[in-house]
């Protein structure tokens, strides 16, 4: 360990936020594709069963 609180925030929080944002955008795109019938739910990466 040995990292100060400010070092921890700089190295972890920023990358965590960026990664979460990228995952959210990808999930919204997958959901939209599944809703529009452009992809099967499994291909869209959704865990929700969508009935066609």
N, C-alpha and C. Protein backbone atom coordinates (compact mmCIF):
# COMPACT_ATOMS: atom_id res chain seq x y z
N UNK A 1 0.84 -1.15 0.00
CA UNK A 1 0.00 0.00 0.00
C UNK A 1 0.90 1.23 0.00
N UNK A 2 0.89 2.02 1.05
CA UNK A 2 1.76 3.17 1.13
C UNK A 2 1.32 4.36 0.30
N UNK A 3 0.18 4.28 -0.36
CA UNK A 3 -0.30 5.41 -1.15
C UNK A 3 -1.13 6.34 -0.28
N UNK A 4 -0.96 7.63 -0.52
CA UNK A 4 -1.78 8.60 0.20
C UNK A 4 -3.19 8.58 -0.37
N UNK A 5 -4.11 9.21 0.33
CA UNK A 5 -5.50 9.26 -0.13
C UNK A 5 -5.60 9.96 -1.48
N UNK A 6 -4.84 11.04 -1.67
CA UNK A 6 -4.91 11.76 -2.95
C UNK A 6 -4.36 10.91 -4.09
N UNK A 7 -3.30 10.14 -3.83
CA UNK A 7 -2.77 9.24 -4.87
C UNK A 7 -3.80 8.17 -5.23
N UNK A 8 -4.47 7.65 -4.22
CA UNK A 8 -5.49 6.63 -4.45
C UNK A 8 -6.62 7.18 -5.32
N UNK A 9 -7.08 8.38 -4.99
CA UNK A 9 -8.17 8.99 -5.75
C UNK A 9 -7.75 9.25 -7.20
N UNK A 10 -6.53 9.73 -7.40
CA UNK A 10 -6.07 10.01 -8.77
C UNK A 10 -5.95 8.74 -9.60
N UNK A 11 -5.43 7.69 -9.02
CA UNK A 11 -5.19 6.48 -9.80
C UNK A 11 -6.40 5.57 -9.92
N UNK A 12 -7.27 5.53 -8.93
CA UNK A 12 -8.39 4.59 -8.97
C UNK A 12 -9.69 5.24 -9.40
N UNK A 13 -10.11 6.29 -8.75
CA UNK A 13 -11.44 6.84 -8.99
C UNK A 13 -11.63 7.29 -10.43
N UNK A 14 -10.63 7.92 -11.02
CA UNK A 14 -10.79 8.42 -12.38
C UNK A 14 -10.93 7.27 -13.38
N UNK A 15 -10.12 6.25 -13.27
CA UNK A 15 -10.24 5.13 -14.21
C UNK A 15 -11.52 4.35 -13.97
N UNK A 16 -11.95 4.25 -12.70
CA UNK A 16 -13.19 3.55 -12.38
C UNK A 16 -14.37 4.27 -13.02
N UNK A 17 -14.41 5.59 -12.90
CA UNK A 17 -15.50 6.37 -13.48
C UNK A 17 -15.51 6.23 -15.00
N UNK A 18 -14.36 6.31 -15.63
CA UNK A 18 -14.27 6.19 -17.09
C UNK A 18 -14.74 4.80 -17.54
N UNK A 19 -14.32 3.76 -16.82
CA UNK A 19 -14.71 2.39 -17.17
C UNK A 19 -16.22 2.21 -17.00
N UNK A 20 -16.78 2.73 -15.90
CA UNK A 20 -18.23 2.61 -15.69
C UNK A 20 -19.00 3.34 -16.78
N UNK A 21 -18.51 4.50 -17.19
CA UNK A 21 -19.17 5.26 -18.25
C UNK A 21 -19.16 4.48 -19.56
N UNK A 22 -18.02 3.90 -19.91
CA UNK A 22 -17.93 3.11 -21.14
C UNK A 22 -18.86 1.91 -21.09
N UNK A 23 -18.95 1.26 -19.93
CA UNK A 23 -19.84 0.10 -19.79
C UNK A 23 -21.30 0.52 -19.91
N UNK A 24 -21.65 1.68 -19.35
CA UNK A 24 -23.03 2.16 -19.43
C UNK A 24 -23.41 2.48 -20.87
N UNK A 25 -22.51 3.13 -21.60
CA UNK A 25 -22.78 3.45 -23.00
C UNK A 25 -22.94 2.18 -23.83
N UNK A 26 -22.07 1.20 -23.60
CA UNK A 26 -22.16 -0.07 -24.33
C UNK A 26 -23.47 -0.79 -24.00
N UNK A 27 -23.87 -0.75 -22.74
CA UNK A 27 -25.12 -1.41 -22.33
C UNK A 27 -26.33 -0.73 -22.96
N UNK A 28 -26.32 0.61 -23.03
CA UNK A 28 -27.44 1.32 -23.66
C UNK A 28 -27.52 0.99 -25.14
N UNK A 29 -26.37 0.89 -25.80
CA UNK A 29 -26.35 0.53 -27.22
C UNK A 29 -26.87 -0.88 -27.45
N UNK A 30 -26.49 -1.80 -26.58
CA UNK A 30 -26.97 -3.18 -26.68
C UNK A 30 -28.47 -3.26 -26.46
N UNK A 31 -28.95 -2.53 -25.46
CA UNK A 31 -30.38 -2.52 -25.15
C UNK A 31 -31.16 -1.95 -26.33
N UNK A 32 -30.66 -0.85 -26.90
CA UNK A 32 -31.35 -0.22 -28.02
C UNK A 32 -31.40 -1.16 -29.22
N UNK A 33 -30.28 -1.82 -29.52
CA UNK A 33 -30.25 -2.75 -30.64
C UNK A 33 -31.23 -3.89 -30.43
N UNK A 34 -31.31 -4.40 -29.22
CA UNK A 34 -32.24 -5.49 -28.92
C UNK A 34 -33.69 -5.02 -29.04
N UNK A 35 -33.97 -3.82 -28.57
CA UNK A 35 -35.34 -3.30 -28.64
C UNK A 35 -35.78 -3.05 -30.08
N UNK A 36 -34.84 -2.65 -30.92
CA UNK A 36 -35.17 -2.38 -32.31
C UNK A 36 -35.14 -3.63 -33.18
N UNK A 37 -34.82 -4.76 -32.57
CA UNK A 37 -34.80 -6.02 -33.29
C UNK A 37 -33.60 -6.20 -34.19
N UNK A 38 -32.55 -5.43 -33.95
CA UNK A 38 -31.36 -5.54 -34.79
C UNK A 38 -30.43 -6.64 -34.33
N UNK A 39 -30.66 -7.15 -33.14
CA UNK A 39 -29.80 -8.22 -32.62
C UNK A 39 -30.62 -9.09 -31.70
N UNK A 40 -30.23 -10.32 -31.61
CA UNK A 40 -30.85 -11.20 -30.63
C UNK A 40 -30.38 -10.78 -29.25
N UNK A 41 -31.19 -11.00 -28.21
CA UNK A 41 -30.79 -10.58 -26.86
C UNK A 41 -29.43 -11.11 -26.44
N UNK A 42 -29.12 -12.38 -26.77
CA UNK A 42 -27.82 -12.94 -26.39
C UNK A 42 -26.67 -12.21 -27.09
N UNK A 43 -26.88 -11.85 -28.36
CA UNK A 43 -25.85 -11.14 -29.10
C UNK A 43 -25.68 -9.73 -28.58
N UNK A 44 -26.74 -9.16 -28.03
CA UNK A 44 -26.69 -7.80 -27.53
C UNK A 44 -26.05 -7.74 -26.15
N UNK A 45 -25.82 -8.88 -25.53
CA UNK A 45 -25.18 -8.89 -24.23
C UNK A 45 -26.13 -8.61 -23.09
N UNK A 46 -27.42 -8.79 -23.31
CA UNK A 46 -28.41 -8.51 -22.28
C UNK A 46 -28.74 -9.77 -21.49
N UNK A 47 -28.90 -9.61 -20.20
CA UNK A 47 -29.30 -10.74 -19.36
C UNK A 47 -30.82 -10.83 -19.24
N UNK A 48 -31.53 -9.88 -19.82
CA UNK A 48 -32.98 -9.85 -19.73
C UNK A 48 -33.55 -10.59 -20.93
N UNK A 49 -34.48 -11.50 -20.67
CA UNK A 49 -35.13 -12.22 -21.76
C UNK A 49 -36.10 -11.28 -22.47
N UNK A 50 -35.98 -11.19 -23.78
CA UNK A 50 -36.85 -10.34 -24.57
C UNK A 50 -37.67 -11.25 -25.48
N UNK A 51 -38.99 -11.16 -25.35
CA UNK A 51 -39.86 -11.99 -26.18
C UNK A 51 -40.15 -11.26 -27.47
N UNK A 52 -40.01 -11.97 -28.60
CA UNK A 52 -40.27 -11.37 -29.91
C UNK A 52 -41.65 -11.74 -30.37
